[in-house]
Amino acid sequence: MYPLILIPVDGSEASRAALQEALELAREQRARVRLIYVCEPIRHVVFEGVARRANVPLLLVRSR
């Protein structure tokens, strides 16, 4: 029996399917669940007071 099940999710279809399976297992085992949202770190390139996320249009302007 599993008393606690850790379920990592990232919003993908595969993680949604895994979430459903893990929740079903938790119901069967009467276990508690803990979710952790997994994402890639946001990388910023800073130049001339403007921060831009890699490969993304203007995201943030630094205020002074």
N, C-alpha and C. Protein backbone atom coordinates (compact mmCIF):
# COMPACT_ATOMS: atom_id res chain seq x y z
N MET A 1 0.84 -1.19 0.00
CA MET A 1 0.00 0.00 0.00
C MET A 1 0.88 1.25 0.00
N TYR A 2 0.47 2.23 -0.77
CA TYR A 2 1.18 3.50 -0.84
C TYR A 2 0.43 4.54 -0.01
N PRO A 3 1.05 5.12 1.03
CA PRO A 3 0.35 6.13 1.82
C PRO A 3 0.30 7.50 1.13
N LEU A 4 1.30 7.78 0.28
CA LEU A 4 1.38 9.08 -0.39
C LEU A 4 1.95 8.87 -1.79
N ILE A 5 1.32 9.47 -2.79
CA ILE A 5 1.78 9.36 -4.18
C ILE A 5 2.10 10.76 -4.68
N LEU A 6 3.33 10.94 -5.14
CA LEU A 6 3.77 12.20 -5.72
C LEU A 6 3.52 12.13 -7.22
N ILE A 7 2.80 13.13 -7.76
CA ILE A 7 2.44 13.12 -9.17
C ILE A 7 2.99 14.38 -9.84
N PRO A 8 4.04 14.23 -10.67
CA PRO A 8 4.55 15.40 -11.40
C PRO A 8 3.70 15.65 -12.65
N VAL A 9 3.35 16.90 -12.87
CA VAL A 9 2.57 17.26 -14.06
C VAL A 9 3.24 18.44 -14.75
N ASP A 10 3.06 18.52 -16.07
CA ASP A 10 3.62 19.63 -16.82
C ASP A 10 2.64 20.20 -17.84
N GLY A 11 1.40 19.73 -17.81
CA GLY A 11 0.38 20.23 -18.72
C GLY A 11 0.29 19.49 -20.03
N SER A 12 1.19 18.55 -20.27
CA SER A 12 1.16 17.81 -21.53
C SER A 12 0.07 16.74 -21.49
N GLU A 13 -0.27 16.23 -22.65
CA GLU A 13 -1.27 15.15 -22.73
C GLU A 13 -0.79 13.91 -21.98
N ALA A 14 0.51 13.62 -22.09
CA ALA A 14 1.05 12.44 -21.40
C ALA A 14 0.93 12.60 -19.88
N SER A 15 1.20 13.79 -19.37
CA SER A 15 1.10 13.97 -17.91
C SER A 15 -0.35 13.95 -17.46
N ARG A 16 -1.26 14.41 -18.29
CA ARG A 16 -2.69 14.34 -17.93
C ARG A 16 -3.15 12.89 -17.84
N ALA A 17 -2.70 12.08 -18.79
CA ALA A 17 -3.05 10.65 -18.76
C ALA A 17 -2.44 9.98 -17.54
N ALA A 18 -1.18 10.31 -17.24
CA ALA A 18 -0.51 9.74 -16.07
C ALA A 18 -1.20 10.20 -14.78
N LEU A 19 -1.67 11.43 -14.75
CA LEU A 19 -2.39 11.95 -13.59
C LEU A 19 -3.65 11.13 -13.33
N GLN A 20 -4.40 10.85 -14.39
CA GLN A 20 -5.62 10.04 -14.23
C GLN A 20 -5.30 8.65 -13.68
N GLU A 21 -4.26 8.04 -14.20
CA GLU A 21 -3.85 6.71 -13.72
C GLU A 21 -3.42 6.77 -12.26
N ALA A 22 -2.63 7.79 -11.92
CA ALA A 22 -2.15 7.92 -10.55
C ALA A 22 -3.30 8.19 -9.58
N LEU A 23 -4.28 9.00 -10.00
CA LEU A 23 -5.43 9.26 -9.14
C LEU A 23 -6.25 8.00 -8.92
N GLU A 24 -6.40 7.19 -9.95
CA GLU A 24 -7.11 5.92 -9.80
C GLU A 24 -6.37 5.01 -8.83
N LEU A 25 -5.04 4.93 -8.95
CA LEU A 25 -4.24 4.13 -8.02
C LEU A 25 -4.41 4.65 -6.60
N ALA A 26 -4.40 5.96 -6.44
CA ALA A 26 -4.56 6.56 -5.11
C ALA A 26 -5.92 6.20 -4.52
N ARG A 27 -6.96 6.21 -5.34
CA ARG A 27 -8.29 5.81 -4.85
C ARG A 27 -8.28 4.36 -4.38
N GLU A 28 -7.70 3.50 -5.20
CA GLU A 28 -7.65 2.08 -4.87
C GLU A 28 -6.85 1.82 -3.60
N GLN A 29 -5.76 2.57 -3.42
CA GLN A 29 -4.86 2.38 -2.27
C GLN A 29 -5.25 3.24 -1.07
N ARG A 30 -6.25 4.10 -1.26
CA ARG A 30 -6.65 5.05 -0.22
C ARG A 30 -5.46 5.91 0.20
N ALA A 31 -4.71 6.32 -0.80
CA ALA A 31 -3.51 7.12 -0.56
C ALA A 31 -3.80 8.60 -0.75
N ARG A 32 -2.97 9.41 -0.12
CA ARG A 32 -3.02 10.85 -0.36
C ARG A 32 -2.17 11.13 -1.59
N VAL A 33 -2.46 12.24 -2.26
CA VAL A 33 -1.66 12.61 -3.43
C VAL A 33 -1.06 13.98 -3.22
N ARG A 34 0.09 14.17 -3.81
CA ARG A 34 0.73 15.47 -3.82
C ARG A 34 1.14 15.74 -5.26
N LEU A 35 0.71 16.88 -5.79
CA LEU A 35 1.05 17.26 -7.16
C LEU A 35 2.23 18.21 -7.15
N ILE A 36 3.07 18.07 -8.14
CA ILE A 36 4.16 19.02 -8.35
C ILE A 36 4.11 19.42 -9.82
N TYR A 37 4.08 20.73 -10.06
CA TYR A 37 4.04 21.24 -11.43
C TYR A 37 5.48 21.40 -11.91
N VAL A 38 5.79 20.78 -13.01
CA VAL A 38 7.15 20.78 -13.54
C VAL A 38 7.18 21.64 -14.80
N CYS A 39 8.15 22.56 -14.86
CA CYS A 39 8.31 23.40 -16.05
C CYS A 39 9.77 23.70 -16.27
N GLU A 40 10.10 24.09 -17.47
CA GLU A 40 11.47 24.49 -17.78
C GLU A 40 11.71 25.87 -17.22
N PRO A 41 12.93 26.15 -16.76
CA PRO A 41 13.22 27.49 -16.25
C PRO A 41 13.13 28.52 -17.37
N ILE A 42 12.70 29.71 -17.01
CA ILE A 42 12.63 30.81 -17.96
C ILE A 42 14.00 31.46 -18.03
N ARG A 43 14.54 31.53 -19.23
CA ARG A 43 15.84 32.15 -19.43
C ARG A 43 15.66 33.55 -20.00
N HIS A 44 16.31 34.51 -19.41
CA HIS A 44 16.23 35.89 -19.89
C HIS A 44 17.60 36.35 -20.38
N VAL A 45 17.56 37.15 -21.40
CA VAL A 45 18.76 37.81 -21.89
C VAL A 45 18.54 39.30 -21.64
N VAL A 46 19.44 39.92 -20.92
CA VAL A 46 19.26 41.34 -20.56
C VAL A 46 20.22 42.18 -21.40
N PHE A 47 19.68 43.21 -22.05
CA PHE A 47 20.49 44.15 -22.83
C PHE A 47 19.77 45.47 -22.88
N GLU A 48 20.49 46.56 -22.73
CA GLU A 48 19.97 47.93 -22.79
C GLU A 48 18.72 48.11 -21.96
N GLY A 49 18.68 47.49 -20.77
CA GLY A 49 17.55 47.70 -19.86
C GLY A 49 16.29 46.96 -20.27
N VAL A 50 16.37 46.11 -21.27
CA VAL A 50 15.20 45.36 -21.71
C VAL A 50 15.49 43.87 -21.52
N ALA A 51 14.56 43.19 -20.91
CA ALA A 51 14.72 41.74 -20.74
C ALA A 51 13.86 41.05 -21.78
N ARG A 52 14.45 40.08 -22.46
CA ARG A 52 13.71 39.32 -23.46
C ARG A 52 13.87 37.85 -23.14
N ARG A 53 12.76 37.13 -23.18
CA ARG A 53 12.82 35.69 -23.00
C ARG A 53 13.36 35.09 -24.30
N ALA A 54 14.20 34.09 -24.18
CA ALA A 54 14.81 33.47 -25.36
C ALA A 54 13.74 33.04 -26.36
N ASN A 55 13.89 33.47 -27.62
CA ASN A 55 13.00 33.10 -28.73
C ASN A 55 11.56 33.56 -28.55
N VAL A 56 11.34 34.60 -27.75
CA VAL A 56 9.98 35.10 -27.54
C VAL A 56 10.02 36.62 -27.72
N PRO A 57 8.97 37.21 -28.30
CA PRO A 57 8.95 38.67 -28.46
C PRO A 57 9.07 39.38 -27.11
N LEU A 58 9.26 40.69 -27.14
CA LEU A 58 9.45 41.49 -25.96
C LEU A 58 8.55 41.04 -24.82
N LEU A 59 9.16 40.77 -23.67
CA LEU A 59 8.42 40.22 -22.52
C LEU A 59 8.36 41.19 -21.36
N LEU A 60 9.46 41.87 -21.07
CA LEU A 60 9.54 42.65 -19.86
C LEU A 60 10.48 43.83 -20.06
N VAL A 61 10.09 45.00 -19.62
CA VAL A 61 10.96 46.16 -19.66
C VAL A 61 11.29 46.51 -18.22
N ARG A 62 12.57 46.62 -17.93
CA ARG A 62 13.02 46.93 -16.58
C ARG A 62 12.68 48.37 -16.23
N SER A 63 12.05 48.58 -15.08
CA SER A 63 11.76 49.94 -14.64
C SER A 63 12.89 50.44 -13.75
N ARG A 64 13.20 51.72 -13.81
CA ARG A 64 14.30 52.26 -13.00
C ARG A 64 13.79 53.24 -12.00
